[in-house]
């Protein structure tokens, strides 16, 4: 029967915190990279929406213009949100990795 000493528990905790921080950091990087990849598609959708809005203005269709502008606003908010989530996950992951590292360093 083996018992864990308090030092062993701290080592395991700090290792787990570091690994969870690494996973969180990598997920944040993936979210930021997917935002960059998705940016091409969003630009294409925005270009089509702008063309749709211009067509609505020339033909005098006000509802079409309102819907196109709201679609552009939603796309803009979506880009902002994904960047914020990626940045948040990356920073939390870095803080967790630093915490796990300093927890190990303080005990040895």
PDB file of N, CA and C in Angstrom:
ATOM      1  N   UNK A   1       0.836  -1.171   0.000  1.00  0.00           N
ATOM      2  CA  UNK A   1       0.000   0.000   0.000  1.00  0.00           C
ATOM      3  C   UNK A   1       0.886   1.241   0.000  1.00  0.00           C
ATOM      4  N   UNK A   2       0.648   2.108  -0.950  1.00  0.00           N
ATOM      5  CA  UNK A   2       1.487   3.305  -1.004  1.00  0.00           C
ATOM      6  C   UNK A   2       0.651   4.532  -0.654  1.00  0.00           C
ATOM      7  N   UNK A   3       1.268   5.419   0.064  1.00  0.00           N
ATOM      8  CA  UNK A   3       0.604   6.648   0.460  1.00  0.00           C
ATOM      9  C   UNK A   3       1.289   7.814  -0.236  1.00  0.00           C
ATOM     10  N   UNK A   4       0.496   8.801  -0.571  1.00  0.00           N
ATOM     11  CA  UNK A   4       1.055   9.996  -1.193  1.00  0.00           C
ATOM     12  C   UNK A   4       1.472  10.978  -0.108  1.00  0.00           C
ATOM     13  N   UNK A   5       2.664  11.433  -0.214  1.00  0.00           N
ATOM     14  CA  UNK A   5       3.150  12.457   0.695  1.00  0.00           C
ATOM     15  C   UNK A   5       2.646  13.822   0.217  1.00  0.00           C
ATOM     16  N   UNK A   6       2.620  14.816   1.103  1.00  0.00           N
ATOM     17  CA  UNK A   6       2.164  16.148   0.669  1.00  0.00           C
ATOM     18  C   UNK A   6       2.980  16.708  -0.502  1.00  0.00           C
ATOM     19  N   UNK A   7       4.271  16.411  -0.543  1.00  0.00           N
ATOM     20  CA  UNK A   7       5.098  16.873  -1.658  1.00  0.00           C
ATOM     21  C   UNK A   7       4.663  16.222  -2.971  1.00  0.00           C
ATOM     22  N   UNK A   8       4.293  14.936  -2.885  1.00  0.00           N
ATOM     23  CA  UNK A   8       3.835  14.229  -4.083  1.00  0.00           C
ATOM     24  C   UNK A   8       2.523  14.815  -4.594  1.00  0.00           C
ATOM     25  N   UNK A   9       1.645  15.162  -3.684  1.00  0.00           N
ATOM     26  CA  UNK A   9       0.358  15.753  -4.071  1.00  0.00           C
ATOM     27  C   UNK A   9       0.579  17.096  -4.763  1.00  0.00           C
ATOM     28  N   UNK A  10       1.487  17.901  -4.245  1.00  0.00           N
ATOM     29  CA  UNK A  10       1.783  19.205  -4.851  1.00  0.00           C
ATOM     30  C   UNK A  10       2.383  19.020  -6.238  1.00  0.00           C
ATOM     31  N   UNK A  11       3.253  18.027  -6.396  1.00  0.00           N
ATOM     32  CA  UNK A  11       3.843  17.764  -7.711  1.00  0.00           C
ATOM     33  C   UNK A  11       2.760  17.351  -8.707  1.00  0.00           C
ATOM     34  N   UNK A  12       1.880  16.455  -8.294  1.00  0.00           N
ATOM     35  CA  UNK A  12       0.797  16.019  -9.176  1.00  0.00           C
ATOM     36  C   UNK A  12      -0.137  17.182  -9.514  1.00  0.00           C
ATOM     37  N   UNK A  13      -0.491  17.987  -8.508  1.00  0.00           N
ATOM     38  CA  UNK A  13      -1.384  19.121  -8.755  1.00  0.00           C
ATOM     39  C   UNK A  13      -0.761  20.113  -9.719  1.00  0.00           C
ATOM     40  N   UNK A  14       0.490  20.434  -9.506  1.00  0.00           N
ATOM     41  CA  UNK A  14       1.131  21.404 -10.378  1.00  0.00           C
ATOM     42  C   UNK A  14       1.299  20.844 -11.792  1.00  0.00           C
ATOM     43  N   UNK A  15       1.560  19.565 -11.915  1.00  0.00           N
ATOM     44  CA  UNK A  15       1.643  18.946 -13.240  1.00  0.00           C
ATOM     45  C   UNK A  15       0.313  18.979 -13.978  1.00  0.00           C
ATOM     46  N   UNK A  16      -0.748  18.685 -13.241  1.00  0.00           N
ATOM     47  CA  UNK A  16      -2.082  18.709 -13.849  1.00  0.00           C
ATOM     48  C   UNK A  16      -2.463  20.137 -14.235  1.00  0.00           C
ATOM     49  N   UNK A  17      -2.160  21.107 -13.371  1.00  0.00           N
ATOM     50  CA  UNK A  17      -2.448  22.508 -13.690  1.00  0.00           C
ATOM     51  C   UNK A  17      -1.676  22.931 -14.939  1.00  0.00           C
ATOM     52  N   UNK A  18      -0.425  22.526 -15.033  1.00  0.00           N
ATOM     53  CA  UNK A  18       0.387  22.879 -16.196  1.00  0.00           C
ATOM     54  C   UNK A  18      -0.187  22.262 -17.468  1.00  0.00           C
ATOM     55  N   UNK A  19      -0.563  20.989 -17.414  1.00  0.00           N
ATOM     56  CA  UNK A  19      -1.104  20.310 -18.596  1.00  0.00           C
ATOM     57  C   UNK A  19      -2.438  20.925 -19.008  1.00  0.00           C
ATOM     58  N   UNK A  20      -3.309  21.213 -18.033  1.00  0.00           N
ATOM     59  CA  UNK A  20      -4.582  21.865 -18.363  1.00  0.00           C
ATOM     60  C   UNK A  20      -4.349  23.255 -18.957  1.00  0.00           C
ATOM     61  N   UNK A  21      -3.365  23.967 -18.429  1.00  0.00           N
ATOM     62  CA  UNK A  21      -3.013  25.270 -18.992  1.00  0.00           C
ATOM     63  C   UNK A  21      -2.504  25.148 -20.415  1.00  0.00           C
ATOM     64  N   UNK A  22      -1.712  24.137 -20.684  1.00  0.00           N
ATOM     65  CA  UNK A  22      -1.196  23.907 -22.032  1.00  0.00           C
ATOM     66  C   UNK A  22      -2.329  23.602 -22.999  1.00  0.00           C
ATOM     67  N   UNK A  23      -3.264  22.758 -22.570  1.00  0.00           N
ATOM     68  CA  UNK A  23      -4.412  22.427 -23.417  1.00  0.00           C
ATOM     69  C   UNK A  23      -5.250  23.676 -23.680  1.00  0.00           C
ATOM     70  N   UNK A  24      -5.503  24.478 -22.643  1.00  0.00           N
ATOM     71  CA  UNK A  24      -6.275  25.708 -22.803  1.00  0.00           C
ATOM     72  C   UNK A  24      -5.559  26.680 -23.729  1.00  0.00           C
ATOM     73  N   UNK A  25      -4.254  26.804 -23.578  1.00  0.00           N
ATOM     74  CA  UNK A  25      -3.456  27.681 -24.439  1.00  0.00           C
ATOM     75  C   UNK A  25      -3.566  27.237 -25.896  1.00  0.00           C
ATOM     76  N   UNK A  26      -3.433  25.934 -26.149  1.00  0.00           N
ATOM     77  CA  UNK A  26      -3.511  25.425 -27.511  1.00  0.00           C
ATOM     78  C   UNK A  26      -4.900  25.614 -28.113  1.00  0.00           C
ATOM     79  N   UNK A  27      -5.946  25.433 -27.311  1.00  0.00           N
ATOM     80  CA  UNK A  27      -7.305  25.666 -27.804  1.00  0.00           C
ATOM     81  C   UNK A  27      -7.482  27.136 -28.180  1.00  0.00           C
ATOM     82  N   UNK A  28      -6.934  28.042 -27.366  1.00  0.00           N
ATOM     83  CA  UNK A  28      -6.999  29.464 -27.694  1.00  0.00           C
ATOM     84  C   UNK A  28      -6.283  29.782 -28.991  1.00  0.00           C
ATOM     85  N   UNK A  29      -5.121  29.168 -29.203  1.00  0.00           N
ATOM     86  CA  UNK A  29      -4.388  29.371 -30.455  1.00  0.00           C
ATOM     87  C   UNK A  29      -5.192  28.841 -31.641  1.00  0.00           C
ATOM     88  N   UNK A  30      -5.817  27.690 -31.463  1.00  0.00           N
ATOM     89  CA  UNK A  30      -6.639  27.116 -32.539  1.00  0.00           C
ATOM     90  C   UNK A  30      -7.813  28.024 -32.860  1.00  0.00           C
ATOM     91  N   UNK A  31      -8.450  28.582 -31.847  1.00  0.00           N
ATOM     92  CA  UNK A  31      -9.569  29.510 -32.072  1.00  0.00           C
ATOM     93  C   UNK A  31      -9.090  30.743 -32.838  1.00  0.00           C
ATOM     94  N   UNK A  32      -7.936  31.284 -32.457  1.00  0.00           N
ATOM     95  CA  UNK A  32      -7.408  32.451 -33.167  1.00  0.00           C
ATOM     96  C   UNK A  32      -7.041  32.105 -34.611  1.00  0.00           C
ATOM     97  N   UNK A  33      -6.444  30.941 -34.832  1.00  0.00           N
ATOM     98  CA  UNK A  33      -6.099  30.545 -36.194  1.00  0.00           C
ATOM     99  C   UNK A  33      -7.337  30.277 -37.040  1.00  0.00           C
ATOM    100  N   UNK A  34      -8.367  29.711 -36.437  1.00  0.00           N
ATOM    101  CA  UNK A  34      -9.602  29.475 -37.196  1.00  0.00           C
ATOM    102  C   UNK A  34     -10.267  30.798 -37.564  1.00  0.00           C
ATOM    103  N   UNK A  35     -10.082  31.815 -36.724  1.00  0.00           N
ATOM    104  CA  UNK A  35     -10.608  33.143 -37.050  1.00  0.00           C
ATOM    105  C   UNK A  35      -9.911  33.685 -38.285  1.00  0.00           C
ATOM    106  N   UNK A  36      -8.597  33.462 -38.389  1.00  0.00           N
ATOM    107  CA  UNK A  36      -7.846  33.922 -39.553  1.00  0.00           C
ATOM    108  C   UNK A  36      -8.305  33.175 -40.805  1.00  0.00           C
ATOM    109  N   UNK A  37      -8.505  31.865 -40.685  1.00  0.00           N
ATOM    110  CA  UNK A  37      -8.960  31.086 -41.834  1.00  0.00           C
ATOM    111  C   UNK A  37     -10.381  31.469 -42.240  1.00  0.00           C
ATOM    112  N   UNK A  38     -11.221  31.756 -41.246  1.00  0.00           N
ATOM    113  CA  UNK A  38     -12.605  32.098 -41.504  1.00  0.00           C
ATOM    114  C   UNK A  38     -12.732  33.516 -42.058  1.00  0.00           C
ATOM    115  N   UNK A  39     -11.721  34.344 -41.858  1.00  0.00           N
ATOM    116  CA  UNK A  39     -11.768  35.733 -42.271  1.00  0.00           C
ATOM    117  C   UNK A  39     -11.963  35.856 -43.782  1.00  0.00           C
ATOM    118  N   UNK A  40     -11.394  34.939 -44.568  1.00  0.00           N
ATOM    119  CA  UNK A  40     -11.566  34.969 -46.019  1.00  0.00           C
ATOM    120  C   UNK A  40     -13.031  34.777 -46.387  1.00  0.00           C
ATOM    121  N   UNK A  41     -13.685  33.830 -45.729  1.00  0.00           N
ATOM    122  CA  UNK A  41     -15.095  33.581 -46.005  1.00  0.00           C
ATOM    123  C   UNK A  41     -15.952  34.769 -45.600  1.00  0.00           C
ATOM    124  N   UNK A  42     -15.619  35.377 -44.472  1.00  0.00           N
ATOM    125  CA  UNK A  42     -16.391  36.523 -44.003  1.00  0.00           C
ATOM    126  C   UNK A  42     -16.241  37.697 -44.953  1.00  0.00           C
ATOM    127  N   UNK A  43     -15.035  37.902 -45.487  1.00  0.00           N
ATOM    128  CA  UNK A  43     -14.837  38.980 -46.460  1.00  0.00           C
ATOM    129  C   UNK A  43     -15.674  38.744 -47.707  1.00  0.00           C
ATOM    130  N   UNK A  44     -15.757  37.503 -48.135  1.00  0.00           N
ATOM    131  CA  UNK A  44     -16.550  37.178 -49.315  1.00  0.00           C
ATOM    132  C   UNK A  44     -18.040  37.422 -49.043  1.00  0.00           C
ATOM    133  N   UNK A  45     -18.519  37.007 -47.883  1.00  0.00           N
ATOM    134  CA  UNK A  45     -19.919  37.236 -47.527  1.00  0.00           C
ATOM    135  C   UNK A  45     -20.202  38.724 -47.407  1.00  0.00           C
ATOM    136  N   UNK A  46     -19.273  39.470 -46.819  1.00  0.00           N
ATOM    137  CA  UNK A  46     -19.446  40.912 -46.682  1.00  0.00           C
ATOM    138  C   UNK A  46     -19.489  41.595 -48.043  1.00  0.00           C
ATOM    139  N   UNK A  47     -18.661  41.143 -48.972  1.00  0.00           N
ATOM    140  CA  UNK A  47     -18.675  41.721 -50.322  1.00  0.00           C
ATOM    141  C   UNK A  47     -20.011  41.470 -51.005  1.00  0.00           C
ATOM    142  N   UNK A  48     -20.531  40.259 -50.866  1.00  0.00           N
ATOM    143  CA  UNK A  48     -21.837  39.958 -51.466  1.00  0.00           C
ATOM    144  C   UNK A  48     -22.947  40.756 -50.790  1.00  0.00           C
ATOM    145  N   UNK A  49     -22.847  40.927 -49.479  1.00  0.00           N
ATOM    146  CA  UNK A  49     -23.855  41.698 -48.759  1.00  0.00           C
ATOM    147  C   UNK A  49     -23.825  43.161 -49.179  1.00  0.00           C
ATOM    148  N   UNK A  50     -22.626  43.709 -49.374  1.00  0.00           N
ATOM    149  CA  UNK A  50     -22.508  45.090 -49.838  1.00  0.00           C
ATOM    150  C   UNK A  50     -23.116  45.252 -51.222  1.00  0.00           C
ATOM    151  N   UNK A  51     -22.850  44.279 -52.088  1.00  0.00           N
ATOM    152  CA  UNK A  51     -23.438  44.331 -53.435  1.00  0.00           C
ATOM    153  C   UNK A  51     -24.955  44.248 -53.352  1.00  0.00           C
ATOM    154  N   UNK A  52     -25.453  43.435 -52.441  1.00  0.00           N
ATOM    155  CA  UNK A  52     -26.894  43.312 -52.249  1.00  0.00           C
ATOM    156  C   UNK A  52     -27.487  44.621 -51.733  1.00  0.00           C
ATOM    157  N   UNK A  53     -26.787  45.274 -50.823  1.00  0.00           N
ATOM    158  CA  UNK A  53     -27.268  46.551 -50.288  1.00  0.00           C
ATOM    159  C   UNK A  53     -27.273  47.624 -51.378  1.00  0.00           C
ATOM    160  N   UNK A  54     -26.229  47.664 -52.220  1.00  0.00           N
ATOM    161  CA  UNK A  54     -26.206  48.647 -53.315  1.00  0.00           C
ATOM    162  C   UNK A  54     -27.341  48.406 -54.290  1.00  0.00           C
ATOM    163  N   UNK A  55     -27.622  47.151 -54.560  1.00  0.00           N
ATOM    164  CA  UNK A  55     -28.721  46.825 -55.467  1.00  0.00           C
ATOM    165  C   UNK A  55     -30.045  47.259 -54.856  1.00  0.00           C
ATOM    166  N   UNK A  56     -30.178  47.056 -53.542  1.00  0.00           N
ATOM    167  CA  UNK A  56     -31.409  47.474 -52.873  1.00  0.00           C
ATOM    168  C   UNK A  56     -31.583  48.986 -52.883  1.00  0.00           C
ATOM    169  N   UNK A  57     -30.482  49.729 -52.762  1.00  0.00           N
ATOM    170  CA  UNK A  57     -30.561  51.191 -52.771  1.00  0.00           C
ATOM    171  C   UNK A  57     -30.958  51.689 -54.154  1.00  0.00           C
ATOM    172  N   UNK A  58     -30.367  51.104 -55.196  1.00  0.00           N
ATOM    173  CA  UNK A  58     -30.687  51.579 -56.548  1.00  0.00           C
ATOM    174  C   UNK A  58     -32.105  51.225 -56.959  1.00  0.00           C
ATOM    175  N   UNK A  59     -32.618  50.131 -56.457  1.00  0.00           N
ATOM    176  CA  UNK A  59     -33.975  49.728 -56.817  1.00  0.00           C
ATOM    177  C   UNK A  59     -35.011  50.257 -55.836  1.00  0.00           C
ATOM    178  N   UNK A  60     -34.563  50.894 -54.779  1.00  0.00           N
ATOM    179  CA  UNK A  60     -35.486  51.490 -53.826  1.00  0.00           C
ATOM    180  C   UNK A  60     -36.131  50.506 -52.869  1.00  0.00           C
ATOM    181  N   UNK A  61     -35.488  49.408 -52.594  1.00  0.00           N
ATOM    182  CA  UNK A  61     -36.028  48.409 -51.684  1.00  0.00           C
ATOM    183  C   UNK A  61     -35.388  48.644 -50.321  1.00  0.00           C
ATOM    184  N   UNK A  62     -36.125  49.275 -49.421  1.00  0.00           N
ATOM    185  CA  UNK A  62     -35.540  49.647 -48.127  1.00  0.00           C
ATOM    186  C   UNK A  62     -35.373  48.452 -47.190  1.00  0.00           C
ATOM    187  N   UNK A  63     -36.249  47.491 -47.238  1.00  0.00           N
ATOM    188  CA  UNK A  63     -36.142  46.314 -46.374  1.00  0.00           C
ATOM    189  C   UNK A  63     -34.912  45.493 -46.683  1.00  0.00           C
ATOM    190  N   UNK A  64     -34.578  45.420 -47.951  1.00  0.00           N
ATOM    191  CA  UNK A  64     -33.398  44.685 -48.371  1.00  0.00           C
ATOM    192  C   UNK A  64     -32.133  45.331 -47.840  1.00  0.00           C
ATOM    193  N   UNK A  65     -32.088  46.646 -47.843  1.00  0.00           N
ATOM    194  CA  UNK A  65     -30.929  47.378 -47.338  1.00  0.00           C
ATOM    195  C   UNK A  65     -30.795  47.181 -45.827  1.00  0.00           C
ATOM    196  N   UNK A  66     -31.905  47.233 -45.113  1.00  0.00           N
ATOM    197  CA  UNK A  66     -31.878  47.033 -43.663  1.00  0.00           C
ATOM    198  C   UNK A  66     -31.394  45.652 -43.290  1.00  0.00           C
ATOM    199  N   UNK A  67     -31.865  44.643 -44.002  1.00  0.00           N
ATOM    200  CA  UNK A  67     -31.428  43.272 -43.724  1.00  0.00           C
ATOM    201  C   UNK A  67     -29.954  43.078 -44.053  1.00  0.00           C
ATOM    202  N   UNK A  68     -29.494  43.672 -45.131  1.00  0.00           N
ATOM    203  CA  UNK A  68     -28.087  43.532 -45.510  1.00  0.00           C
ATOM    204  C   UNK A  68     -27.181  44.210 -44.486  1.00  0.00           C
ATOM    205  N   UNK A  69     -27.574  45.386 -44.010  1.00  0.00           N
ATOM    206  CA  UNK A  69     -26.738  46.073 -43.024  1.00  0.00           C
ATOM    207  C   UNK A  69     -26.739  45.336 -41.686  1.00  0.00           C
ATOM    208  N   UNK A  70     -27.857  44.745 -41.295  1.00  0.00           N
ATOM    209  CA  UNK A  70     -27.868  43.971 -40.050  1.00  0.00           C
ATOM    210  C   UNK A  70     -27.018  42.710 -40.181  1.00  0.00           C
ATOM    211  N   UNK A  71     -26.995  42.108 -41.368  1.00  0.00           N
ATOM    212  CA  UNK A  71     -26.132  40.943 -41.597  1.00  0.00           C
ATOM    213  C   UNK A  71     -24.671  41.331 -41.473  1.00  0.00           C
ATOM    214  N   UNK A  72     -24.287  42.483 -42.000  1.00  0.00           N
ATOM    215  CA  UNK A  72     -22.906  42.950 -41.887  1.00  0.00           C
ATOM    216  C   UNK A  72     -22.536  43.217 -40.433  1.00  0.00           C
ATOM    217  N   UNK A  73     -23.465  43.778 -39.660  1.00  0.00           N
ATOM    218  CA  UNK A  73     -23.202  44.013 -38.234  1.00  0.00           C
ATOM    219  C   UNK A  73     -23.003  42.703 -37.475  1.00  0.00           C
ATOM    220  N   UNK A  74     -23.830  41.719 -37.785  1.00  0.00           N
ATOM    221  CA  UNK A  74     -23.714  40.418 -37.121  1.00  0.00           C
ATOM    222  C   UNK A  74     -22.378  39.759 -37.465  1.00  0.00           C
ATOM    223  N   UNK A  75     -21.959  39.845 -38.716  1.00  0.00           N
ATOM    224  CA  UNK A  75     -20.667  39.270 -39.105  1.00  0.00           C
ATOM    225  C   UNK A  75     -19.521  39.972 -38.385  1.00  0.00           C
ATOM    226  N   UNK A  76     -19.613  41.282 -38.242  1.00  0.00           N
ATOM    227  CA  UNK A  76     -18.572  42.033 -37.546  1.00  0.00           C
ATOM    228  C   UNK A  76     -18.497  41.628 -36.071  1.00  0.00           C
ATOM    229  N   UNK A  77     -19.635  41.472 -35.422  1.00  0.00           N
ATOM    230  CA  UNK A  77     -19.665  41.047 -34.024  1.00  0.00           C
ATOM    231  C   UNK A  77     -19.132  39.630 -33.855  1.00  0.00           C
ATOM    232  N   UNK A  78     -19.418  38.766 -34.841  1.00  0.00           N
ATOM    233  CA  UNK A  78     -18.940  37.391 -34.761  1.00  0.00           C
ATOM    234  C   UNK A  78     -17.415  37.345 -34.805  1.00  0.00           C
ATOM    235  N   UNK A  79     -16.809  38.162 -35.651  1.00  0.00           N
ATOM    236  CA  UNK A  79     -15.355  38.205 -35.728  1.00  0.00           C
ATOM    237  C   UNK A  79     -14.771  38.722 -34.425  1.00  0.00           C
ATOM    238  N   UNK A  80     -15.359  39.763 -33.858  1.00  0.00           N
ATOM    239  CA  UNK A  80     -14.872  40.305 -32.592  1.00  0.00           C
ATOM    240  C   UNK A  80     -14.962  39.263 -31.481  1.00  0.00           C
ATOM    241  N   UNK A  81     -16.070  38.554 -31.413  1.00  0.00           N
ATOM    242  CA  UNK A  81     -16.290  37.584 -30.347  1.00  0.00           C
ATOM    243  C   UNK A  81     -15.297  36.428 -30.434  1.00  0.00           C
ATOM    244  N   UNK A  82     -15.064  35.899 -31.625  1.00  0.00           N
ATOM    245  CA  UNK A  82     -14.143  34.770 -31.737  1.00  0.00           C
ATOM    246  C   UNK A  82     -12.719  35.195 -31.387  1.00  0.00           C
ATOM    247  N   UNK A  83     -12.346  36.423 -31.729  1.00  0.00           N
ATOM    248  CA  UNK A  83     -11.012  36.905 -31.361  1.00  0.00           C
ATOM    249  C   UNK A  83     -10.908  37.072 -29.851  1.00  0.00           C
ATOM    250  N   UNK A  84     -11.957  37.558 -29.221  1.00  0.00           N
ATOM    251  CA  UNK A  84     -11.945  37.732 -27.773  1.00  0.00           C
ATOM    252  C   UNK A  84     -11.853  36.413 -27.029  1.00  0.00           C
ATOM    253  N   UNK A  85     -12.588  35.424 -27.497  1.00  0.00           N
ATOM    254  CA  UNK A  85     -12.556  34.104 -26.863  1.00  0.00           C
ATOM    255  C   UNK A  85     -11.177  33.477 -27.021  1.00  0.00           C
ATOM    256  N   UNK A  86     -10.596  33.579 -28.205  1.00  0.00           N
ATOM    257  CA  UNK A  86      -9.266  33.016 -28.428  1.00  0.00           C
ATOM    258  C   UNK A  86      -8.212  33.683 -27.566  1.00  0.00           C
ATOM    259  N   UNK A  87      -8.287  35.009 -27.462  1.00  0.00           N
ATOM    260  CA  UNK A  87      -7.330  35.741 -26.635  1.00  0.00           C
ATOM    261  C   UNK A  87      -7.500  35.397 -25.162  1.00  0.00           C
ATOM    262  N   UNK A  88      -8.746  35.270 -24.714  1.00  0.00           N
ATOM    263  CA  UNK A  88      -9.021  34.922 -23.318  1.00  0.00           C
ATOM    264  C   UNK A  88      -8.475  33.524 -22.992  1.00  0.00           C
ATOM    265  N   UNK A  89      -8.750  32.548 -23.859  1.00  0.00           N
ATOM    266  CA  UNK A  89      -8.270  31.188 -23.611  1.00  0.00           C
ATOM    267  C   UNK A  89      -6.749  31.122 -23.621  1.00  0.00           C
ATOM    268  N   UNK A  90      -6.132  31.855 -24.525  1.00  0.00           N
ATOM    269  CA  UNK A  90      -4.674  31.859 -24.593  1.00  0.00           C
ATOM    270  C   UNK A  90      -4.069  32.451 -23.328  1.00  0.00           C
ATOM    271  N   UNK A  91      -4.626  33.548 -22.853  1.00  0.00           N
ATOM    272  CA  UNK A  91      -4.064  34.185 -21.652  1.00  0.00           C
ATOM    273  C   UNK A  91      -4.322  33.341 -20.406  1.00  0.00           C
ATOM    274  N   UNK A  92      -5.495  32.750 -20.273  1.00  0.00           N
ATOM    275  CA  UNK A  92      -5.777  31.882 -19.117  1.00  0.00           C
ATOM    276  C   UNK A  92      -4.848  30.662 -19.141  1.00  0.00           C
ATOM    277  N   UNK A  93      -4.614  30.095 -20.326  1.00  0.00           N
ATOM    278  CA  UNK A  93      -3.705  28.962 -20.438  1.00  0.00           C
ATOM    279  C   UNK A  93      -2.286  29.323 -20.032  1.00  0.00           C
ATOM    280  N   UNK A  94      -1.828  30.507 -20.452  1.00  0.00           N
ATOM    281  CA  UNK A  94      -0.477  30.944 -20.081  1.00  0.00           C
ATOM    282  C   UNK A  94      -0.371  31.163 -18.570  1.00  0.00           C
ATOM    283  N   UNK A  95      -1.414  31.722 -17.974  1.00  0.00           N
ATOM    284  CA  UNK A  95      -1.412  31.945 -16.521  1.00  0.00           C
ATOM    285  C   UNK A  95      -1.395  30.607 -15.774  1.00  0.00           C
ATOM    286  N   UNK A  96      -2.167  29.639 -16.260  1.00  0.00           N
ATOM    287  CA  UNK A  96      -2.183  28.324 -15.609  1.00  0.00           C
ATOM    288  C   UNK A  96      -0.838  27.622 -15.736  1.00  0.00           C
ATOM    289  N   UNK A  97      -0.216  27.720 -16.909  1.00  0.00           N
ATOM    290  CA  UNK A  97       1.105  27.099 -17.077  1.00  0.00           C
ATOM    291  C   UNK A  97       2.128  27.764 -16.163  1.00  0.00           C
ATOM    292  N   UNK A  98       2.078  29.079 -16.058  1.00  0.00           N
ATOM    293  CA  UNK A  98       3.002  29.780 -15.163  1.00  0.00           C
ATOM    294  C   UNK A  98       2.738  29.399 -13.710  1.00  0.00           C
ATOM    295  N   UNK A  99       1.471  29.257 -13.341  1.00  0.00           N
ATOM    296  CA  UNK A  99       1.137  28.847 -11.980  1.00  0.00           C
ATOM    297  C   UNK A  99       1.653  27.467 -11.649  1.00  0.00           C
ATOM    298  N   UNK A 100       1.481  26.521 -12.573  1.00  0.00           N
ATOM    299  CA  UNK A 100       2.001  25.172 -12.355  1.00  0.00           C
ATOM    300  C   UNK A 100       3.518  25.157 -12.252  1.00  0.00           C
ATOM    301  N   UNK A 101       4.177  25.959 -13.084  1.00  0.00           N
ATOM    302  CA  UNK A 101       5.635  26.030 -13.050  1.00  0.00           C
ATOM    303  C   UNK A 101       6.127  26.613 -11.728  1.00  0.00           C
ATOM    304  N   UNK A 102       5.524  27.718 -11.288  1.00  0.00           N
ATOM    305  CA  UNK A 102       5.970  28.336 -10.050  1.00  0.00           C
ATOM    306  C   UNK A 102       5.625  27.508  -8.819  1.00  0.00           C
ATOM    307  N   UNK A 103       4.556  26.722  -8.905  1.00  0.00           N
ATOM    308  CA  UNK A 103       4.203  25.825  -7.807  1.00  0.00           C
ATOM    309  C   UNK A 103       5.268  24.736  -7.654  1.00  0.00           C
ATOM    310  N   UNK A 104       5.768  24.227  -8.752  1.00  0.00           N
ATOM    311  CA  UNK A 104       6.851  23.238  -8.706  1.00  0.00           C
ATOM    312  C   UNK A 104       8.128  23.884  -8.193  1.00  0.00           C
ATOM    313  N   UNK A 105       8.453  25.071  -8.706  1.00  0.00           N
ATOM    314  CA  UNK A 105       9.714  25.743  -8.337  1.00  0.00           C
ATOM    315  C   UNK A 105       9.741  26.141  -6.859  1.00  0.00           C
ATOM    316  N   UNK A 106       8.581  26.450  -6.303  1.00  0.00           N
ATOM    317  CA  UNK A 106       8.563  26.877  -4.899  1.00  0.00           C
ATOM    318  C   UNK A 106       8.793  25.710  -3.943  1.00  0.00           C
ATOM    319  N   UNK A 107       8.547  24.491  -4.402  1.00  0.00           N
ATOM    320  CA  UNK A 107       8.714  23.333  -3.530  1.00  0.00           C
ATOM    321  C   UNK A 107      10.067  22.651  -3.679  1.00  0.00           C
ATOM    322  N   UNK A 108      10.796  22.961  -4.733  1.00  0.00           N
ATOM    323  CA  UNK A 108      12.072  22.281  -4.933  1.00  0.00           C
ATOM    324  C   UNK A 108      13.182  23.260  -5.104  1.00  0.00           C
TER     325      UNK A 108
END
